[in-house]
Amino acid sequence: MLAIGNNRVIEQDLSIRVFSDGFSFSTPQSQKDVTAKKGESLTEALETAFKTYALLRPDYDEVNVYADYPSTRIPLDEFRSEEAQALYRLTFGNGSLQGKNLHYEMLPALEVIEVFALDADIEKIILQYYPQATIHSYFGQLMNRMLARDKRYQGEERRLYAHSNGRQLFVFCYDKGKLKFANTFEAPEINNQLYFLLYVWKMLEMRQTKDICLLIGKSKELEAALKRYLRNIECV
């Protein structure tokens, strides 16, 4: 949202995306990416960013935090909040919540609850600066956004969505407006990302020449590798 006063435009909404090694801060008009330097902790990098960048003013009306951390999802009618922590540990290992806070959010359009974690120290610092901040799973919101796009498609082609952040690959698809498959693979190497994506493609019995693989974001290496195997690739 933009407000005009005293002949200047004031940006009122801030998004903070939290990675395992840095942050992305963005408003409707500006963006700043920060990566922790060698020997610098993530919390130190965040504190430095708050002290350094004018973009991080204290007076935003709305602040949304997107945790780019592994997440899992549970059907709405099967979710029990008291079981969420045990389920997350079962999915990602006993040490997966060490130093992290567990969160979950309802995604009604997908009929699932997204369960995810965020570094506890990072969360504490952000909430000190922005008590009004709302914390989301990046992957959950990504599936929400792509669902609206998927529903606009016409024709018989099936679509598989893939997002790479350089360290992990997130693959998902829908069937008749419902979430059919979603999973995250730890895969920093392009060859491993290619393997996992093609494995899911085959498992879902998608057609090599007719169905579509949609790559979300900038992933030129993965796109080039996929062209050797799939005919229909789109970048969104």
Foldseek 3Di string as FASTA:
>chain_A
DWDDDPRDIDFAEWEWEDDCFWIWIDTPVDIDTWGADVPGHHLRRVVVCCVPDPSLDLHHPAYEYAYAFDKDKDAQVPDDPVCLVVVVCVVPHVCPCPQWDWDWDDDVLQRIIIIDIDRPSVVVVVCVSPVRYDYYHNVSVVVSVVLVVVVPDDDDAFEKEWEDPLQKIWIWGADPSYTDDIDIGGDNDLVVNLVVVVVVCVVVPHDQEGHEYEYEDDDVPNVVVCVVGHPHYHYD
